Amino acid sequence: MMGGVIVFLLALIFVAQVAKAAGKKKLGRARAEEKLVDDAFAEEEERRQTWVEHYVNQGELDKARELGWNGLALPSQIQEAAIPQWKQHEIDQRTQQDAATPTMLDLDNL
């Protein structure tokens, strides 16, 4: 009798482990599918924003509004404004320093 109970409990543990592994596999597939969908939407949103910027720069505001532009700043302008002033200063300094540093092609011409 005791042996039967032990075998039954071991069988339950085995079934639980198999179910757990199947659940992890299913969750992994669901996450991968969700990531693909998110990437597709992100790519579509990026294209939409590019067209909105194009239409706004060309002065075709009606077409830009059709794509969801609300008359506020463009995403590229928002990103520039989101950079803190101290960080923008560091970026400018690094750009100036890189421009002042000669490249190998410049050294070959000397």
C-alpha atoms as a PDB file:
ATOM      1  CA  MET A   1       0.000   0.000   0.000  1.00  0.00           C
ATOM      2  CA  MET A   2       2.769   2.394   0.967  1.00  0.00           C
ATOM      3  CA  GLY A   3       4.645   1.624  -2.258  1.00  0.00           C
ATOM      4  CA  GLY A   4       1.556   2.504  -4.300  1.00  0.00           C
ATOM      5  CA  VAL A   5       1.266   5.884  -2.571  1.00  0.00           C
ATOM      6  CA  ILE A   6       4.947   6.623  -3.224  1.00  0.00           C
ATOM      7  CA  VAL A   7       4.610   5.702  -6.900  1.00  0.00           C
ATOM      8  CA  PHE A   8       1.481   7.858  -7.162  1.00  0.00           C
ATOM      9  CA  LEU A   9       3.239  10.856  -5.592  1.00  0.00           C
ATOM     10  CA  LEU A  10       6.253  10.411  -7.888  1.00  0.00           C
ATOM     11  CA  ALA A  11       3.913  10.287 -10.869  1.00  0.00           C
ATOM     12  CA  LEU A  12       2.260  13.516  -9.699  1.00  0.00           C
ATOM     13  CA  ILE A  13       5.654  15.212  -9.382  1.00  0.00           C
ATOM     14  CA  PHE A  14       6.598  14.025 -12.882  1.00  0.00           C
ATOM     15  CA  VAL A  15       3.344  15.335 -14.374  1.00  0.00           C
ATOM     16  CA  ALA A  16       3.824  18.677 -12.591  1.00  0.00           C
ATOM     17  CA  GLN A  17       7.356  19.015 -13.997  1.00  0.00           C
ATOM     18  CA  VAL A  18       6.162  18.239 -17.524  1.00  0.00           C
ATOM     19  CA  ALA A  19       3.322  20.766 -17.202  1.00  0.00           C
ATOM     20  CA  LYS A  20       5.739  23.390 -15.880  1.00  0.00           C
ATOM     21  CA  ALA A  21       8.127  22.861 -18.814  1.00  0.00           C
ATOM     22  CA  ALA A  22       5.239  23.057 -21.290  1.00  0.00           C
ATOM     23  CA  GLY A  23       4.044  26.283 -19.660  1.00  0.00           C
ATOM     24  CA  LYS A  24       7.501  27.858 -19.943  1.00  0.00           C
ATOM     25  CA  LYS A  25       7.711  26.856 -23.596  1.00  0.00           C
ATOM     26  CA  LYS A  26       4.271  28.324 -24.300  1.00  0.00           C
ATOM     27  CA  LEU A  27       5.155  31.539 -22.464  1.00  0.00           C
ATOM     28  CA  GLY A  28       8.395  31.829 -24.458  1.00  0.00           C
ATOM     29  CA  ARG A  29       6.505  31.465 -27.741  1.00  0.00           C
ATOM     30  CA  ALA A  30       3.927  34.035 -26.634  1.00  0.00           C
ATOM     31  CA  ARG A  31       6.654  36.519 -25.690  1.00  0.00           C
ATOM     32  CA  ALA A  32       8.454  35.999 -29.005  1.00  0.00           C
ATOM     33  CA  GLU A  33       5.204  36.566 -30.912  1.00  0.00           C
ATOM     34  CA  GLU A  34       4.448  39.671 -28.843  1.00  0.00           C
ATOM     35  CA  LYS A  35       7.937  41.033 -29.570  1.00  0.00           C
ATOM     36  CA  LEU A  36       7.423  40.519 -33.310  1.00  0.00           C
ATOM     37  CA  VAL A  37       4.107  42.378 -33.165  1.00  0.00           C
ATOM     38  CA  ASP A  38       5.657  45.208 -31.129  1.00  0.00           C
ATOM     39  CA  ASP A  39       8.538  45.494 -33.600  1.00  0.00           C
ATOM     40  CA  ALA A  40       6.118  45.651 -36.519  1.00  0.00           C
ATOM     41  CA  PHE A  41       4.083  48.392 -34.836  1.00  0.00           C
ATOM     42  CA  ALA A  42       7.237  50.310 -33.914  1.00  0.00           C
ATOM     43  CA  GLU A  43       8.431  50.171 -37.510  1.00  0.00           C
ATOM     44  CA  GLU A  44       5.025  51.334 -38.736  1.00  0.00           C
ATOM     45  CA  GLU A  45       4.986  54.175 -36.187  1.00  0.00           C
ATOM     46  CA  GLU A  46       8.489  55.237 -37.258  1.00  0.00           C
ATOM     47  CA  ARG A  47       7.376  55.373 -40.892  1.00  0.00           C
ATOM     48  CA  ARG A  48       4.281  57.369 -39.946  1.00  0.00           C
ATOM     49  CA  GLN A  49       6.376  59.869 -37.976  1.00  0.00           C
ATOM     50  CA  THR A  50       8.778  60.228 -40.909  1.00  0.00           C
ATOM     51  CA  TRP A  51       5.893  61.045 -43.239  1.00  0.00           C
ATOM     52  CA  VAL A  52       4.415  63.485 -40.723  1.00  0.00           C
ATOM     53  CA  GLU A  53       7.749  65.307 -40.523  1.00  0.00           C
ATOM     54  CA  HIS A  54       8.009  65.334 -44.312  1.00  0.00           C
ATOM     55  CA  TYR A  55       4.513  66.772 -44.751  1.00  0.00           C
ATOM     56  CA  VAL A  56       5.038  69.395 -42.034  1.00  0.00           C
ATOM     57  CA  ASN A  57       8.379  70.449 -43.536  1.00  0.00           C
ATOM     58  CA  GLN A  58       6.732  70.724 -46.967  1.00  0.00           C
ATOM     59  CA  GLY A  59       3.866  72.753 -45.514  1.00  0.00           C
ATOM     60  CA  GLU A  60       1.228  70.118 -46.274  1.00  0.00           C
ATOM     61  CA  LEU A  61      -0.353  70.288 -42.824  1.00  0.00           C
ATOM     62  CA  ASP A  62      -3.643  68.659 -43.878  1.00  0.00           C
ATOM     63  CA  LYS A  63      -1.860  65.477 -44.915  1.00  0.00           C
ATOM     64  CA  ALA A  64       0.161  65.552 -41.702  1.00  0.00           C
ATOM     65  CA  ARG A  65      -3.038  65.853 -39.646  1.00  0.00           C
ATOM     66  CA  GLU A  66      -4.494  62.869 -41.516  1.00  0.00           C
ATOM     67  CA  LEU A  67      -1.562  60.851 -40.200  1.00  0.00           C
ATOM     68  CA  GLY A  68      -2.247  61.933 -36.635  1.00  0.00           C
ATOM     69  CA  TRP A  69      -0.178  65.095 -36.277  1.00  0.00           C
ATOM     70  CA  ASN A  70      -1.838  67.343 -33.691  1.00  0.00           C
ATOM     71  CA  GLY A  71      -0.120  70.615 -34.545  1.00  0.00           C
ATOM     72  CA  LEU A  72       2.437  70.382 -31.762  1.00  0.00           C
ATOM     73  CA  ALA A  73       6.164  69.843 -32.051  1.00  0.00           C
ATOM     74  CA  LEU A  74       7.554  67.137 -34.282  1.00  0.00           C
ATOM     75  CA  PRO A  75       9.065  64.017 -32.672  1.00  0.00           C
ATOM     76  CA  SER A  76      12.582  65.020 -33.754  1.00  0.00           C
ATOM     77  CA  GLN A  77      12.104  68.427 -32.127  1.00  0.00           C
ATOM     78  CA  ILE A  78      10.809  66.788 -28.955  1.00  0.00           C
ATOM     79  CA  GLN A  79      13.870  64.545 -28.798  1.00  0.00           C
ATOM     80  CA  GLU A  80      16.192  67.533 -29.178  1.00  0.00           C
ATOM     81  CA  ALA A  81      14.324  69.422 -26.467  1.00  0.00           C
ATOM     82  CA  ALA A  82      14.424  66.365 -24.179  1.00  0.00           C
ATOM     83  CA  ILE A  83      18.242  66.435 -24.055  1.00  0.00           C
ATOM     84  CA  PRO A  84      19.355  68.386 -20.983  1.00  0.00           C
ATOM     85  CA  GLN A  85      21.408  71.497 -21.652  1.00  0.00           C
ATOM     86  CA  TRP A  86      24.525  70.110 -19.933  1.00  0.00           C
ATOM     87  CA  LYS A  87      24.362  66.954 -22.064  1.00  0.00           C
ATOM     88  CA  GLN A  88      23.933  69.001 -25.252  1.00  0.00           C
ATOM     89  CA  HIS A  89      27.001  71.047 -24.218  1.00  0.00           C
ATOM     90  CA  GLU A  90      29.042  67.843 -23.764  1.00  0.00           C
ATOM     91  CA  ILE A  91      27.895  66.583 -27.175  1.00  0.00           C
ATOM     92  CA  ASP A  92      28.860  69.894 -28.794  1.00  0.00           C
ATOM     93  CA  GLN A  93      32.288  69.820 -27.134  1.00  0.00           C
ATOM     94  CA  ARG A  94      32.890  66.240 -28.251  1.00  0.00           C
ATOM     95  CA  THR A  95      31.836  67.141 -31.810  1.00  0.00           C
ATOM     96  CA  GLN A  96      34.225  70.107 -31.866  1.00  0.00           C
ATOM     97  CA  GLN A  97      37.045  67.989 -30.451  1.00  0.00           C
ATOM     98  CA  ASP A  98      36.451  65.253 -33.022  1.00  0.00           C
ATOM     99  CA  ALA A  99      36.409  67.826 -35.824  1.00  0.00           C
ATOM    100  CA  ALA A 100      39.733  69.284 -34.618  1.00  0.00           C
ATOM    101  CA  THR A 101      41.468  65.894 -34.457  1.00  0.00           C
ATOM    102  CA  PRO A 102      43.232  65.069 -37.746  1.00  0.00           C
ATOM    103  CA  THR A 103      42.479  61.780 -39.436  1.00  0.00           C
ATOM    104  CA  MET A 104      44.978  59.441 -41.059  1.00  0.00           C
ATOM    105  CA  LEU A 105      44.091  60.822 -44.478  1.00  0.00           C
ATOM    106  CA  ASP A 106      44.893  64.346 -43.258  1.00  0.00           C
ATOM    107  CA  LEU A 107      48.250  63.164 -41.937  1.00  0.00           C
ATOM    108  CA  ASP A 108      49.113  61.480 -45.241  1.00  0.00           C
ATOM    109  CA  ASN A 109      48.703  64.795 -47.086  1.00  0.00           C
ATOM    110  CA  LEU A 110      51.246  66.572 -44.879  1.00  0.00           C
END
